[in-house]
Amino acid sequence: MPQHAQITRVCRDCDGFATTAITTGTRHRDGTRATLRVTCPACKGTGTTAPAGVVRAGR
């Protein structure tokens, strides 16, 4: 009997790539590039979303 894989809900805003590093083009004194680390605000860096029944609304 075939086994079914568990469906993982991927975040719609970041498509599963929750954290990115962006280079600014400037360099530090030691020669390394300055980078900014950006995290998806929708999934808070996990890359997945919670099932509809688990999400809490209200207070």
N, C-alpha and C. Protein backbone atom coordinates (compact mmCIF):
# COMPACT_ATOMS: atom_id res chain seq x y z
N MET A 1 0.84 -1.17 0.00
CA MET A 1 0.00 0.00 0.00
C MET A 1 0.89 1.24 0.00
N PRO A 2 0.63 2.22 -0.87
CA PRO A 2 1.48 3.41 -0.94
C PRO A 2 1.35 4.28 0.31
N GLN A 3 2.46 4.84 0.71
CA GLN A 3 2.47 5.76 1.85
C GLN A 3 2.33 7.18 1.32
N HIS A 4 1.48 7.95 1.96
CA HIS A 4 1.26 9.33 1.55
C HIS A 4 2.17 10.24 2.36
N ALA A 5 2.82 11.15 1.68
CA ALA A 5 3.70 12.12 2.35
C ALA A 5 2.84 13.18 3.03
N GLN A 6 3.33 13.65 4.17
CA GLN A 6 2.61 14.69 4.88
C GLN A 6 2.75 16.01 4.11
N ILE A 7 1.65 16.70 3.94
CA ILE A 7 1.66 17.95 3.20
C ILE A 7 2.17 19.06 4.10
N THR A 8 3.23 19.73 3.67
CA THR A 8 3.79 20.86 4.41
C THR A 8 3.26 22.14 3.79
N ARG A 9 2.69 22.98 4.60
CA ARG A 9 2.16 24.24 4.10
C ARG A 9 3.29 25.26 3.99
N VAL A 10 3.58 25.69 2.78
CA VAL A 10 4.64 26.66 2.53
C VAL A 10 4.04 28.05 2.62
N CYS A 11 4.77 28.96 3.22
CA CYS A 11 4.32 30.34 3.38
C CYS A 11 4.09 30.97 2.00
N ARG A 12 2.95 31.64 1.83
CA ARG A 12 2.63 32.27 0.55
C ARG A 12 3.48 33.50 0.29
N ASP A 13 3.91 34.18 1.34
CA ASP A 13 4.66 35.42 1.15
C ASP A 13 6.10 35.19 0.73
N CYS A 14 6.75 34.15 1.27
CA CYS A 14 8.17 33.95 0.98
C CYS A 14 8.46 32.66 0.19
N ASP A 15 7.45 31.86 -0.11
CA ASP A 15 7.59 30.60 -0.85
C ASP A 15 8.58 29.63 -0.21
N GLY A 16 8.70 29.66 1.11
CA GLY A 16 9.56 28.73 1.82
C GLY A 16 10.98 29.23 2.05
N PHE A 17 11.35 30.35 1.43
CA PHE A 17 12.67 30.95 1.64
C PHE A 17 12.50 32.07 2.66
N ALA A 18 12.47 31.70 3.93
CA ALA A 18 12.07 32.63 4.99
C ALA A 18 13.15 33.63 5.37
N THR A 19 14.40 33.31 5.19
CA THR A 19 15.48 34.21 5.57
C THR A 19 16.40 34.42 4.38
N THR A 20 16.72 35.68 4.11
CA THR A 20 17.63 35.99 3.01
C THR A 20 18.73 36.91 3.50
N ALA A 21 19.84 36.90 2.81
CA ALA A 21 20.95 37.79 3.11
C ALA A 21 21.16 38.69 1.90
N ILE A 22 21.13 39.99 2.12
CA ILE A 22 21.27 40.97 1.05
C ILE A 22 22.58 41.72 1.25
N THR A 23 23.43 41.73 0.22
CA THR A 23 24.68 42.50 0.33
C THR A 23 24.40 43.94 -0.07
N THR A 24 24.98 44.86 0.68
CA THR A 24 24.74 46.28 0.44
C THR A 24 25.72 46.89 -0.54
N GLY A 25 26.81 46.21 -0.85
CA GLY A 25 27.81 46.72 -1.77
C GLY A 25 28.97 47.41 -1.06
N THR A 26 28.76 47.78 0.20
CA THR A 26 29.85 48.40 0.96
C THR A 26 30.68 47.32 1.64
N ARG A 27 31.87 47.68 2.04
CA ARG A 27 32.76 46.72 2.69
C ARG A 27 33.19 47.24 4.05
N HIS A 28 33.46 46.29 4.95
CA HIS A 28 34.01 46.62 6.26
C HIS A 28 35.51 46.86 6.11
N ARG A 29 36.15 47.32 7.18
CA ARG A 29 37.59 47.58 7.13
C ARG A 29 38.41 46.32 6.87
N ASP A 30 37.90 45.16 7.29
CA ASP A 30 38.65 43.92 7.07
C ASP A 30 38.43 43.33 5.67
N GLY A 31 37.61 43.98 4.85
CA GLY A 31 37.40 43.53 3.48
C GLY A 31 36.14 42.73 3.26
N THR A 32 35.45 42.33 4.31
CA THR A 32 34.21 41.58 4.15
C THR A 32 33.08 42.52 3.76
N ARG A 33 32.11 41.98 3.07
CA ARG A 33 30.97 42.79 2.63
C ARG A 33 29.94 42.95 3.75
N ALA A 34 29.31 44.10 3.78
CA ALA A 34 28.24 44.35 4.74
C ALA A 34 26.96 43.70 4.21
N THR A 35 26.31 42.88 5.02
CA THR A 35 25.08 42.21 4.60
C THR A 35 23.96 42.50 5.58
N LEU A 36 22.74 42.48 5.06
CA LEU A 36 21.54 42.63 5.87
C LEU A 36 20.82 41.29 5.87
N ARG A 37 20.37 40.85 7.04
CA ARG A 37 19.62 39.61 7.13
C ARG A 37 18.15 39.95 7.31
N VAL A 38 17.30 39.48 6.39
CA VAL A 38 15.89 39.81 6.39
C VAL A 38 15.08 38.54 6.61
N THR A 39 14.13 38.59 7.54
CA THR A 39 13.28 37.45 7.87
C THR A 39 11.84 37.77 7.46
N CYS A 40 11.14 36.79 6.93
CA CYS A 40 9.75 36.96 6.50
C CYS A 40 8.87 37.28 7.71
N PRO A 41 8.12 38.38 7.68
CA PRO A 41 7.27 38.72 8.82
C PRO A 41 6.01 37.86 8.93
N ALA A 42 5.58 37.25 7.82
CA ALA A 42 4.36 36.45 7.85
C ALA A 42 4.55 35.13 8.60
N CYS A 43 5.66 34.43 8.33
CA CYS A 43 5.89 33.13 8.97
C CYS A 43 6.94 33.19 10.07
N LYS A 44 7.49 34.38 10.30
CA LYS A 44 8.49 34.62 11.34
C LYS A 44 9.74 33.75 11.17
N GLY A 45 10.14 33.52 9.93
CA GLY A 45 11.37 32.81 9.65
C GLY A 45 11.29 31.31 9.61
N THR A 46 10.11 30.73 9.71
CA THR A 46 10.00 29.27 9.68
C THR A 46 9.85 28.72 8.26
N GLY A 47 9.26 29.50 7.35
CA GLY A 47 9.06 29.04 5.98
C GLY A 47 7.78 28.28 5.77
N THR A 48 7.08 27.96 6.84
CA THR A 48 5.81 27.24 6.75
C THR A 48 4.73 28.01 7.50
N THR A 49 3.49 27.70 7.18
CA THR A 49 2.37 28.30 7.89
C THR A 49 1.65 27.22 8.68
N ALA A 50 0.95 27.62 9.69
CA ALA A 50 0.20 26.67 10.53
C ALA A 50 -1.10 26.30 9.82
N PRO A 51 -1.63 25.10 10.05
CA PRO A 51 -2.91 24.72 9.49
C PRO A 51 -3.99 25.68 9.95
N ALA A 52 -5.08 25.80 9.19
CA ALA A 52 -6.13 26.77 9.47
C ALA A 52 -6.75 26.60 10.85
N GLY A 53 -6.84 25.39 11.35
CA GLY A 53 -7.45 25.15 12.66
C GLY A 53 -6.57 25.53 13.83
N VAL A 54 -5.27 25.74 13.59
CA VAL A 54 -4.35 26.03 14.68
C VAL A 54 -4.16 27.52 14.89
N VAL A 55 -4.42 28.31 13.86
CA VAL A 55 -4.20 29.76 13.95
C VAL A 55 -5.21 30.38 14.91
N ARG A 56 -4.70 31.21 15.81
CA ARG A 56 -5.56 31.85 16.78
C ARG A 56 -5.91 33.25 16.28
N ALA A 57 -7.13 33.65 16.49
CA ALA A 57 -7.56 35.00 16.12
C ALA A 57 -8.17 35.67 17.33
N GLY A 58 -8.11 36.98 17.35
CA GLY A 58 -8.67 37.71 18.49
C GLY A 58 -7.64 37.95 19.57
N ARG A 59 -8.11 38.06 20.78
CA ARG A 59 -7.20 38.35 21.90
C ARG A 59 -6.39 37.18 22.31
